[in-house]
Amino acid sequence: MDHKKLVQAGYNAIVAEYLTTRSETSEDVLLLQELVTRLPRGATVLDAGCGAGVPVTKILSGFFDVTGVDFAQAQIEMARQLVPNAKFICHDIVDLDLPDASFDAICSYYAIIHIPRQEHPKLLRNFYRMLKPGGLALLCLGANDIEHDIEENYHGSPMYWSHFDAETNLRMIGEAGFEIILSKTVTDSTCPTSKHLFVLAGKK
Protein backbone atom coordinates (compact mmCIF):
# COMPACT_ATOMS: atom_id res chain seq x y z
CA MET A 1 0.00 0.00 0.00
CA ASP A 2 1.22 3.49 -0.86
CA HIS A 3 0.50 5.30 2.40
CA LYS A 4 1.30 8.73 1.00
CA LYS A 5 -1.24 8.31 -1.79
CA LEU A 6 -3.82 7.27 0.80
CA VAL A 7 -3.19 10.48 2.79
CA GLN A 8 -3.19 12.61 -0.35
CA ALA A 9 -6.48 11.12 -1.59
CA GLY A 10 -8.02 11.44 1.86
CA TYR A 11 -7.24 15.11 2.26
CA ASN A 12 -8.36 15.84 -1.29
CA ALA A 13 -11.69 14.22 -0.44
CA ILE A 14 -12.33 15.84 2.95
CA VAL A 15 -11.28 19.42 2.27
CA ALA A 16 -14.64 21.00 3.17
CA GLU A 17 -15.42 18.65 6.08
CA TYR A 18 -11.99 19.08 7.71
CA LEU A 19 -12.25 22.86 7.63
CA THR A 20 -15.28 22.75 9.92
CA THR A 21 -13.23 21.05 12.66
CA ARG A 22 -10.56 23.76 12.96
CA SER A 23 -10.65 26.62 15.46
CA GLU A 24 -8.54 29.76 15.80
CA THR A 25 -8.74 29.62 19.60
CA SER A 26 -7.74 26.00 20.31
CA GLU A 27 -4.64 25.38 22.44
CA ASP A 28 -2.57 24.14 19.50
CA VAL A 29 -3.36 27.16 17.31
CA LEU A 30 -2.64 29.58 20.16
CA LEU A 31 0.95 28.28 20.12
CA LEU A 32 1.42 30.30 16.92
CA GLN A 33 1.94 33.26 19.24
CA GLU A 34 5.36 31.78 19.98
CA LEU A 35 6.31 32.76 16.43
CA VAL A 36 4.41 36.05 16.42
CA THR A 37 6.22 37.28 19.52
CA ARG A 38 9.68 36.13 18.42
CA LEU A 39 9.79 37.14 14.74
CA PRO A 40 9.80 40.58 13.12
CA ARG A 41 6.82 41.63 11.03
CA GLY A 42 7.30 40.57 7.42
CA ALA A 43 9.53 37.60 8.29
CA THR A 44 9.49 34.72 5.78
CA VAL A 45 7.58 31.69 7.04
CA LEU A 46 6.96 28.26 5.50
CA ASP A 47 3.73 26.51 6.50
CA ALA A 48 4.58 22.88 5.70
CA GLY A 49 1.46 20.80 5.23
CA CYS A 50 -0.77 23.86 5.17
CA GLY A 51 -3.98 22.16 4.04
CA ALA A 52 -6.67 24.69 3.16
CA GLY A 53 -4.79 27.45 4.97
CA VAL A 54 -7.26 27.94 7.82
CA PRO A 55 -6.55 28.71 10.54
CA VAL A 56 -2.73 28.42 10.60
CA THR A 57 -1.65 30.04 7.32
CA LYS A 58 -4.35 32.68 7.68
CA ILE A 59 -3.14 33.72 11.13
CA LEU A 60 0.53 33.69 10.16
CA SER A 61 -0.14 35.71 7.00
CA GLY A 62 -1.47 38.55 9.13
CA PHE A 63 2.08 39.09 10.39
CA PHE A 64 4.48 37.42 7.96
CA ASP A 65 5.32 36.66 4.32
CA VAL A 66 3.99 33.09 4.21
CA THR A 67 4.46 30.26 1.73
CA GLY A 68 2.14 27.28 2.23
CA VAL A 69 2.97 23.82 0.90
CA ASP A 70 0.71 20.77 0.69
CA PHE A 71 0.55 17.80 -1.68
CA ALA A 72 -3.27 17.63 -1.73
CA GLN A 73 -4.31 19.70 -4.74
CA ALA A 74 -7.87 20.30 -3.49
CA GLN A 75 -6.50 21.68 -0.23
CA ILE A 76 -4.14 24.04 -2.08
CA GLU A 77 -6.93 25.28 -4.34
CA MET A 78 -9.07 26.04 -1.30
CA ALA A 79 -6.14 27.74 0.46
CA ARG A 80 -5.60 30.08 -2.50
CA GLN A 81 -9.22 31.20 -2.15
CA LEU A 82 -9.26 31.51 1.64
CA VAL A 83 -5.82 33.09 2.16
CA PRO A 84 -5.15 35.21 -0.94
CA ASN A 85 -2.25 37.11 0.63
CA ALA A 86 -0.09 33.96 0.99
CA LYS A 87 1.76 31.96 -1.67
CA PHE A 88 1.01 28.27 -2.14
CA ILE A 89 2.89 25.33 -3.67
CA CYS A 90 1.51 21.82 -4.30
CA HIS A 91 4.36 19.50 -3.35
CA ASP A 92 5.42 16.75 -0.93
CA ILE A 93 7.09 18.51 2.01
CA VAL A 94 9.64 15.70 2.45
CA ASP A 95 11.21 16.41 -0.95
CA LEU A 96 10.79 20.16 -0.95
CA ASP A 97 13.83 21.62 -2.71
CA LEU A 98 13.57 25.34 -1.93
CA PRO A 99 16.96 27.06 -1.50
CA ASP A 100 19.06 26.87 1.66
CA ALA A 101 18.33 29.52 4.31
CA SER A 102 15.06 30.58 2.64
CA PHE A 103 12.93 31.11 5.76
CA ASP A 104 12.98 32.82 9.14
CA ALA A 105 10.60 30.16 10.44
CA ILE A 106 8.95 26.88 9.47
CA CYS A 107 5.60 25.85 10.93
CA SER A 108 4.05 22.40 10.47
CA TYR A 109 0.73 21.38 12.02
CA TYR A 110 -0.73 17.84 11.71
CA ALA A 111 1.34 16.95 8.63
CA ILE A 112 4.48 15.13 9.84
CA ILE A 113 2.29 12.60 11.67
CA HIS A 114 0.87 11.43 8.31
CA ILE A 115 4.32 10.75 6.78
CA PRO A 116 5.88 7.27 7.15
CA ARG A 117 8.11 7.73 10.17
CA GLN A 118 11.27 6.42 8.52
CA GLU A 119 11.18 9.64 6.49
CA HIS A 120 10.98 11.94 9.54
CA PRO A 121 14.76 12.36 10.04
CA LYS A 122 15.17 13.38 6.38
CA LEU A 123 12.28 15.85 6.71
CA LEU A 124 13.74 17.46 9.84
CA ARG A 125 17.14 17.82 8.17
CA ASN A 126 15.45 19.45 5.16
CA PHE A 127 13.62 21.89 7.43
CA TYR A 128 16.93 22.75 9.10
CA ARG A 129 18.55 23.34 5.70
CA MET A 130 15.81 25.72 4.56
CA LEU A 131 15.94 27.83 7.73
CA LYS A 132 18.12 30.91 8.06
CA PRO A 133 20.67 30.90 10.90
CA GLY A 134 18.75 31.65 14.08
CA GLY A 135 15.50 30.58 12.43
CA LEU A 136 12.64 28.89 14.29
CA ALA A 137 10.64 25.71 13.71
CA LEU A 138 7.23 25.13 15.32
CA LEU A 139 6.40 21.49 14.71
CA CYS A 140 3.55 19.11 15.56
CA LEU A 141 4.83 15.55 16.07
CA GLY A 142 3.59 12.33 17.57
CA ALA A 143 3.40 11.87 21.34
CA ASN A 144 3.31 8.07 21.24
CA ASP A 145 4.84 5.23 19.24
CA ILE A 146 2.80 4.25 16.17
CA GLU A 147 4.54 2.65 13.21
CA HIS A 148 1.45 2.34 11.01
CA ASP A 149 -2.17 3.21 11.77
CA ILE A 150 -5.01 3.35 9.27
CA GLU A 151 -8.50 4.58 10.07
CA GLU A 152 -11.10 3.71 7.45
CA ASN A 153 -13.46 6.59 8.25
CA TYR A 154 -11.59 9.79 9.07
CA HIS A 155 -14.13 12.50 8.27
CA GLY A 156 -15.50 10.09 5.67
CA SER A 157 -12.25 8.86 4.08
CA PRO A 158 -9.41 6.46 4.94
CA MET A 159 -6.40 8.07 6.62
CA TYR A 160 -2.91 7.00 7.71
CA TRP A 161 -0.64 7.96 10.63
CA SER A 162 2.96 7.07 11.50
CA HIS A 163 5.14 8.59 14.22
CA PHE A 164 7.55 8.01 17.07
CA ASP A 165 7.03 8.69 20.77
CA ALA A 166 7.80 12.11 22.25
CA GLU A 167 11.24 11.19 23.60
CA THR A 168 12.38 9.83 20.23
CA ASN A 169 11.03 12.89 18.41
CA LEU A 170 12.89 15.26 20.71
CA ARG A 171 16.10 13.29 20.15
CA MET A 172 15.64 13.38 16.36
CA ILE A 173 15.10 17.13 16.39
CA GLY A 174 18.38 17.54 18.26
CA GLU A 175 20.15 15.17 15.88
CA ALA A 176 18.94 17.29 12.94
CA GLY A 177 20.86 20.22 14.46
CA PHE A 178 18.09 22.08 16.28
CA GLU A 179 18.15 23.49 19.77
CA ILE A 180 14.85 22.83 21.55
CA ILE A 181 13.30 25.97 23.06
CA LEU A 182 10.09 24.44 24.38
CA SER A 183 8.00 21.30 24.04
CA LYS A 184 4.42 20.66 25.06
CA THR A 185 1.92 17.83 24.72
CA VAL A 186 -1.36 19.22 23.40
CA THR A 187 -4.78 17.67 22.80
CA ASP A 188 -5.62 17.48 19.09
CA SER A 189 -8.23 20.16 18.37
CA THR A 190 -9.88 17.90 15.77
CA CYS A 191 -9.82 14.72 17.89
CA PRO A 192 -10.10 15.15 21.68
CA THR A 193 -8.88 11.60 22.36
CA SER A 194 -5.52 12.22 20.66
CA LYS A 195 -2.50 14.14 21.93
CA HIS A 196 0.47 15.44 19.99
CA LEU A 197 3.87 16.84 20.82
CA PHE A 198 4.43 20.46 19.82
CA VAL A 199 8.03 21.63 19.71
CA LEU A 200 9.53 25.06 19.20
CA ALA A 201 13.15 24.68 18.11
CA GLY A 202 15.83 27.00 16.82
CA LYS A 203 18.55 26.65 14.21
CA LYS A 204 21.91 27.09 15.88
C-alpha atoms as a PDB file:
ATOM      1  CA  MET A   1       0.000   0.000   0.000  1.00  0.00           C
ATOM      2  CA  ASP A   2       1.223   3.488  -0.856  1.00  0.00           C
ATOM      3  CA  HIS A   3       0.502   5.295   2.403  1.00  0.00           C
ATOM      4  CA  LYS A   4       1.297   8.731   0.999  1.00  0.00           C
ATOM      5  CA  LYS A   5      -1.243   8.315  -1.787  1.00  0.00           C
ATOM      6  CA  LEU A   6      -3.817   7.271   0.798  1.00  0.00           C
ATOM      7  CA  VAL A   7      -3.188  10.478   2.787  1.00  0.00           C
ATOM      8  CA  GLN A   8      -3.194  12.611  -0.353  1.00  0.00           C
ATOM      9  CA  ALA A   9      -6.476  11.120  -1.587  1.00  0.00           C
ATOM     10  CA  GLY A  10      -8.019  11.441   1.865  1.00  0.00           C
ATOM     11  CA  TYR A  11      -7.235  15.114   2.261  1.00  0.00           C
ATOM     12  CA  ASN A  12      -8.357  15.843  -1.291  1.00  0.00           C
ATOM     13  CA  ALA A  13     -11.689  14.224  -0.442  1.00  0.00           C
ATOM     14  CA  ILE A  14     -12.328  15.838   2.952  1.00  0.00           C
ATOM     15  CA  VAL A  15     -11.277  19.423   2.275  1.00  0.00           C
ATOM     16  CA  ALA A  16     -14.638  21.001   3.172  1.00  0.00           C
ATOM     17  CA  GLU A  17     -15.417  18.653   6.076  1.00  0.00           C
ATOM     18  CA  TYR A  18     -11.991  19.076   7.708  1.00  0.00           C
ATOM     19  CA  LEU A  19     -12.253  22.860   7.632  1.00  0.00           C
ATOM     20  CA  THR A  20     -15.285  22.750   9.923  1.00  0.00           C
ATOM     21  CA  THR A  21     -13.228  21.054  12.665  1.00  0.00           C
ATOM     22  CA  ARG A  22     -10.557  23.761  12.965  1.00  0.00           C
ATOM     23  CA  SER A  23     -10.652  26.616  15.461  1.00  0.00           C
ATOM     24  CA  GLU A  24      -8.539  29.756  15.804  1.00  0.00           C
ATOM     25  CA  THR A  25      -8.743  29.617  19.599  1.00  0.00           C
ATOM     26  CA  SER A  26      -7.740  26.001  20.314  1.00  0.00           C
ATOM     27  CA  GLU A  27      -4.637  25.375  22.441  1.00  0.00           C
ATOM     28  CA  ASP A  28      -2.571  24.141  19.497  1.00  0.00           C
ATOM     29  CA  VAL A  29      -3.356  27.157  17.306  1.00  0.00           C
ATOM     30  CA  LEU A  30      -2.643  29.578  20.160  1.00  0.00           C
ATOM     31  CA  LEU A  31       0.949  28.284  20.119  1.00  0.00           C
ATOM     32  CA  LEU A  32       1.424  30.300  16.917  1.00  0.00           C
ATOM     33  CA  GLN A  33       1.936  33.260  19.243  1.00  0.00           C
ATOM     34  CA  GLU A  34       5.363  31.780  19.975  1.00  0.00           C
ATOM     35  CA  LEU A  35       6.311  32.759  16.430  1.00  0.00           C
ATOM     36  CA  VAL A  36       4.413  36.048  16.420  1.00  0.00           C
ATOM     37  CA  THR A  37       6.218  37.285  19.524  1.00  0.00           C
ATOM     38  CA  ARG A  38       9.678  36.130  18.423  1.00  0.00           C
ATOM     39  CA  LEU A  39       9.790  37.136  14.741  1.00  0.00           C
ATOM     40  CA  PRO A  40       9.795  40.581  13.122  1.00  0.00           C
ATOM     41  CA  ARG A  41       6.815  41.625  11.025  1.00  0.00           C
ATOM     42  CA  GLY A  42       7.299  40.567   7.419  1.00  0.00           C
ATOM     43  CA  ALA A  43       9.534  37.599   8.286  1.00  0.00           C
ATOM     44  CA  THR A  44       9.490  34.724   5.780  1.00  0.00           C
ATOM     45  CA  VAL A  45       7.584  31.687   7.044  1.00  0.00           C
ATOM     46  CA  LEU A  46       6.963  28.259   5.503  1.00  0.00           C
ATOM     47  CA  ASP A  47       3.730  26.507   6.500  1.00  0.00           C
ATOM     48  CA  ALA A  48       4.582  22.881   5.705  1.00  0.00           C
ATOM     49  CA  GLY A  49       1.460  20.795   5.233  1.00  0.00           C
ATOM     50  CA  CYS A  50      -0.771  23.862   5.168  1.00  0.00           C
ATOM     51  CA  GLY A  51      -3.977  22.161   4.038  1.00  0.00           C
ATOM     52  CA  ALA A  52      -6.675  24.695   3.157  1.00  0.00           C
ATOM     53  CA  GLY A  53      -4.789  27.447   4.972  1.00  0.00           C
ATOM     54  CA  VAL A  54      -7.262  27.940   7.821  1.00  0.00           C
ATOM     55  CA  PRO A  55      -6.548  28.705  10.545  1.00  0.00           C
ATOM     56  CA  VAL A  56      -2.735  28.419  10.598  1.00  0.00           C
ATOM     57  CA  THR A  57      -1.655  30.043   7.315  1.00  0.00           C
ATOM     58  CA  LYS A  58      -4.354  32.678   7.677  1.00  0.00           C
ATOM     59  CA  ILE A  59      -3.140  33.716  11.129  1.00  0.00           C
ATOM     60  CA  LEU A  60       0.528  33.689  10.156  1.00  0.00           C
ATOM     61  CA  SER A  61      -0.137  35.708   6.998  1.00  0.00           C
ATOM     62  CA  GLY A  62      -1.471  38.550   9.134  1.00  0.00           C
ATOM     63  CA  PHE A  63       2.081  39.086  10.388  1.00  0.00           C
ATOM     64  CA  PHE A  64       4.477  37.417   7.955  1.00  0.00           C
ATOM     65  CA  ASP A  65       5.323  36.658   4.321  1.00  0.00           C
ATOM     66  CA  VAL A  66       3.986  33.094   4.211  1.00  0.00           C
ATOM     67  CA  THR A  67       4.455  30.256   1.730  1.00  0.00           C
ATOM     68  CA  GLY A  68       2.143  27.278   2.229  1.00  0.00           C
ATOM     69  CA  VAL A  69       2.969  23.821   0.904  1.00  0.00           C
ATOM     70  CA  ASP A  70       0.714  20.773   0.688  1.00  0.00           C
ATOM     71  CA  PHE A  71       0.554  17.797  -1.681  1.00  0.00           C
ATOM     72  CA  ALA A  72      -3.266  17.628  -1.725  1.00  0.00           C
ATOM     73  CA  GLN A  73      -4.311  19.705  -4.739  1.00  0.00           C
ATOM     74  CA  ALA A  74      -7.870  20.297  -3.494  1.00  0.00           C
ATOM     75  CA  GLN A  75      -6.496  21.678  -0.228  1.00  0.00           C
ATOM     76  CA  ILE A  76      -4.140  24.038  -2.082  1.00  0.00           C
ATOM     77  CA  GLU A  77      -6.928  25.282  -4.344  1.00  0.00           C
ATOM     78  CA  MET A  78      -9.071  26.040  -1.301  1.00  0.00           C
ATOM     79  CA  ALA A  79      -6.140  27.738   0.456  1.00  0.00           C
ATOM     80  CA  ARG A  80      -5.603  30.076  -2.495  1.00  0.00           C
ATOM     81  CA  GLN A  81      -9.217  31.202  -2.151  1.00  0.00           C
ATOM     82  CA  LEU A  82      -9.256  31.512   1.636  1.00  0.00           C
ATOM     83  CA  VAL A  83      -5.815  33.091   2.161  1.00  0.00           C
ATOM     84  CA  PRO A  84      -5.151  35.209  -0.942  1.00  0.00           C
ATOM     85  CA  ASN A  85      -2.245  37.108   0.626  1.00  0.00           C
ATOM     86  CA  ALA A  86      -0.089  33.964   0.995  1.00  0.00           C
ATOM     87  CA  LYS A  87       1.760  31.962  -1.674  1.00  0.00           C
ATOM     88  CA  PHE A  88       1.009  28.268  -2.140  1.00  0.00           C
ATOM     89  CA  ILE A  89       2.887  25.325  -3.665  1.00  0.00           C
ATOM     90  CA  CYS A  90       1.510  21.821  -4.303  1.00  0.00           C
ATOM     91  CA  HIS A  91       4.362  19.501  -3.345  1.00  0.00           C
ATOM     92  CA  ASP A  92       5.425  16.747  -0.928  1.00  0.00           C
ATOM     93  CA  ILE A  93       7.090  18.514   2.010  1.00  0.00           C
ATOM     94  CA  VAL A  94       9.636  15.699   2.445  1.00  0.00           C
ATOM     95  CA  ASP A  95      11.215  16.406  -0.945  1.00  0.00           C
ATOM     96  CA  LEU A  96      10.785  20.163  -0.950  1.00  0.00           C
ATOM     97  CA  ASP A  97      13.834  21.624  -2.708  1.00  0.00           C
ATOM     98  CA  LEU A  98      13.571  25.335  -1.932  1.00  0.00           C
ATOM     99  CA  PRO A  99      16.965  27.064  -1.498  1.00  0.00           C
ATOM    100  CA  ASP A 100      19.060  26.874   1.664  1.00  0.00           C
ATOM    101  CA  ALA A 101      18.332  29.515   4.313  1.00  0.00           C
ATOM    102  CA  SER A 102      15.062  30.583   2.638  1.00  0.00           C
ATOM    103  CA  PHE A 103      12.931  31.113   5.755  1.00  0.00           C
ATOM    104  CA  ASP A 104      12.983  32.819   9.136  1.00  0.00           C
ATOM    105  CA  ALA A 105      10.595  30.158  10.444  1.00  0.00           C
ATOM    106  CA  ILE A 106       8.954  26.883   9.475  1.00  0.00           C
ATOM    107  CA  CYS A 107       5.604  25.847  10.928  1.00  0.00           C
ATOM    108  CA  SER A 108       4.053  22.398  10.469  1.00  0.00           C
ATOM    109  CA  TYR A 109       0.730  21.382  12.021  1.00  0.00           C
ATOM    110  CA  TYR A 110      -0.726  17.841  11.708  1.00  0.00           C
ATOM    111  CA  ALA A 111       1.340  16.951   8.626  1.00  0.00           C
ATOM    112  CA  ILE A 112       4.476  15.126   9.835  1.00  0.00           C
ATOM    113  CA  ILE A 113       2.287  12.596  11.665  1.00  0.00           C
ATOM    114  CA  HIS A 114       0.869  11.430   8.306  1.00  0.00           C
ATOM    115  CA  ILE A 115       4.316  10.750   6.779  1.00  0.00           C
ATOM    116  CA  PRO A 116       5.883   7.270   7.153  1.00  0.00           C
ATOM    117  CA  ARG A 117       8.114   7.731  10.165  1.00  0.00           C
ATOM    118  CA  GLN A 118      11.272   6.419   8.516  1.00  0.00           C
ATOM    119  CA  GLU A 119      11.176   9.643   6.492  1.00  0.00           C
ATOM    120  CA  HIS A 120      10.976  11.945   9.536  1.00  0.00           C
ATOM    121  CA  PRO A 121      14.759  12.360  10.043  1.00  0.00           C
ATOM    122  CA  LYS A 122      15.169  13.379   6.380  1.00  0.00           C
ATOM    123  CA  LEU A 123      12.281  15.851   6.713  1.00  0.00           C
ATOM    124  CA  LEU A 124      13.744  17.455   9.835  1.00  0.00           C
ATOM    125  CA  ARG A 125      17.138  17.825   8.171  1.00  0.00           C
ATOM    126  CA  ASN A 126      15.450  19.450   5.163  1.00  0.00           C
ATOM    127  CA  PHE A 127      13.621  21.893   7.429  1.00  0.00           C
ATOM    128  CA  TYR A 128      16.932  22.750   9.102  1.00  0.00           C
ATOM    129  CA  ARG A 129      18.552  23.338   5.702  1.00  0.00           C
ATOM    130  CA  MET A 130      15.814  25.722   4.555  1.00  0.00           C
ATOM    131  CA  LEU A 131      15.941  27.835   7.734  1.00  0.00           C
ATOM    132  CA  LYS A 132      18.122  30.906   8.060  1.00  0.00           C
ATOM    133  CA  PRO A 133      20.669  30.895  10.899  1.00  0.00           C
ATOM    134  CA  GLY A 134      18.747  31.648  14.080  1.00  0.00           C
ATOM    135  CA  GLY A 135      15.498  30.579  12.432  1.00  0.00           C
ATOM    136  CA  LEU A 136      12.643  28.887  14.288  1.00  0.00           C
ATOM    137  CA  ALA A 137      10.641  25.712  13.711  1.00  0.00           C
ATOM    138  CA  LEU A 138       7.232  25.133  15.324  1.00  0.00           C
ATOM    139  CA  LEU A 139       6.396  21.487  14.713  1.00  0.00           C
ATOM    140  CA  CYS A 140       3.548  19.111  15.557  1.00  0.00           C
ATOM    141  CA  LEU A 141       4.833  15.549  16.075  1.00  0.00           C
ATOM    142  CA  GLY A 142       3.590  12.332  17.575  1.00  0.00           C
ATOM    143  CA  ALA A 143       3.395  11.874  21.345  1.00  0.00           C
ATOM    144  CA  ASN A 144       3.313   8.072  21.237  1.00  0.00           C
ATOM    145  CA  ASP A 145       4.843   5.233  19.235  1.00  0.00           C
ATOM    146  CA  ILE A 146       2.796   4.246  16.170  1.00  0.00           C
ATOM    147  CA  GLU A 147       4.538   2.649  13.213  1.00  0.00           C
ATOM    148  CA  HIS A 148       1.448   2.342  11.011  1.00  0.00           C
ATOM    149  CA  ASP A 149      -2.165   3.206  11.772  1.00  0.00           C
ATOM    150  CA  ILE A 150      -5.009   3.350   9.273  1.00  0.00           C
ATOM    151  CA  GLU A 151      -8.504   4.577  10.068  1.00  0.00           C
ATOM    152  CA  GLU A 152     -11.104   3.709   7.452  1.00  0.00           C
ATOM    153  CA  ASN A 153     -13.464   6.587   8.250  1.00  0.00           C
ATOM    154  CA  TYR A 154     -11.585   9.792   9.071  1.00  0.00           C
ATOM    155  CA  HIS A 155     -14.128  12.498   8.272  1.00  0.00           C
ATOM    156  CA  GLY A 156     -15.500  10.090   5.675  1.00  0.00           C
ATOM    157  CA  SER A 157     -12.247   8.857   4.076  1.00  0.00           C
ATOM    158  CA  PRO A 158      -9.415   6.456   4.936  1.00  0.00           C
ATOM    159  CA  MET A 159      -6.401   8.066   6.620  1.00  0.00           C
ATOM    160  CA  TYR A 160      -2.912   7.004   7.710  1.00  0.00           C
ATOM    161  CA  TRP A 161      -0.638   7.955  10.626  1.00  0.00           C
ATOM    162  CA  SER A 162       2.956   7.074  11.498  1.00  0.00           C
ATOM    163  CA  HIS A 163       5.142   8.594  14.217  1.00  0.00           C
ATOM    164  CA  PHE A 164       7.548   8.009  17.073  1.00  0.00           C
ATOM    165  CA  ASP A 165       7.032   8.690  20.765  1.00  0.00           C
ATOM    166  CA  ALA A 166       7.796  12.108  22.250  1.00  0.00           C
ATOM    167  CA  GLU A 167      11.238  11.190  23.595  1.00  0.00           C
ATOM    168  CA  THR A 168      12.384   9.833  20.232  1.00  0.00           C
ATOM    169  CA  ASN A 169      11.027  12.885  18.410  1.00  0.00           C
ATOM    170  CA  LEU A 170      12.895  15.260  20.710  1.00  0.00           C
ATOM    171  CA  ARG A 171      16.103  13.288  20.152  1.00  0.00           C
ATOM    172  CA  MET A 172      15.643  13.376  16.360  1.00  0.00           C
ATOM    173  CA  ILE A 173      15.095  17.132  16.392  1.00  0.00           C
ATOM    174  CA  GLY A 174      18.379  17.539  18.256  1.00  0.00           C
ATOM    175  CA  GLU A 175      20.148  15.173  15.876  1.00  0.00           C
ATOM    176  CA  ALA A 176      18.940  17.293  12.941  1.00  0.00           C
ATOM    177  CA  GLY A 177      20.858  20.223  14.459  1.00  0.00           C
ATOM    178  CA  PHE A 178      18.090  22.081  16.278  1.00  0.00           C
ATOM    179  CA  GLU A 179      18.154  23.493  19.774  1.00  0.00           C
ATOM    180  CA  ILE A 180      14.849  22.828  21.555  1.00  0.00           C
ATOM    181  CA  ILE A 181      13.305  25.968  23.058  1.00  0.00           C
ATOM    182  CA  LEU A 182      10.095  24.442  24.380  1.00  0.00           C
ATOM    183  CA  SER A 183       8.001  21.297  24.043  1.00  0.00           C
ATOM    184  CA  LYS A 184       4.422  20.655  25.060  1.00  0.00           C
ATOM    185  CA  THR A 185       1.918  17.826  24.725  1.00  0.00           C
ATOM    186  CA  VAL A 186      -1.359  19.225  23.400  1.00  0.00           C
ATOM    187  CA  THR A 187      -4.775  17.672  22.795  1.00  0.00           C
ATOM    188  CA  ASP A 188      -5.621  17.482  19.093  1.00  0.00           C
ATOM    189  CA  SER A 189      -8.233  20.160  18.373  1.00  0.00           C
ATOM    190  CA  THR A 190      -9.884  17.903  15.770  1.00  0.00           C
ATOM    191  CA  CYS A 191      -9.824  14.722  17.894  1.00  0.00           C
ATOM    192  CA  PRO A 192     -10.100  15.154  21.685  1.00  0.00           C
ATOM    193  CA  THR A 193      -8.882  11.602  22.359  1.00  0.00           C
ATOM    194  CA  SER A 194      -5.522  12.223  20.656  1.00  0.00           C
ATOM    195  CA  LYS A 195      -2.503  14.142  21.926  1.00  0.00           C
ATOM    196  CA  HIS A 196       0.467  15.441  19.985  1.00  0.00           C
ATOM    197  CA  LEU A 197       3.872  16.838  20.819  1.00  0.00           C
ATOM    198  CA  PHE A 198       4.426  20.457  19.822  1.00  0.00           C
ATOM    199  CA  VAL A 199       8.026  21.631  19.715  1.00  0.00           C
ATOM    200  CA  LEU A 200       9.533  25.064  19.198  1.00  0.00           C
ATOM    201  CA  ALA A 201      13.148  24.684  18.113  1.00  0.00           C
ATOM    202  CA  GLY A 202      15.834  27.003  16.818  1.00  0.00           C
ATOM    203  CA  LYS A 203      18.553  26.650  14.208  1.00  0.00           C
ATOM    204  CA  LYS A 204      21.908  27.094  15.884  1.00  0.00           C
END
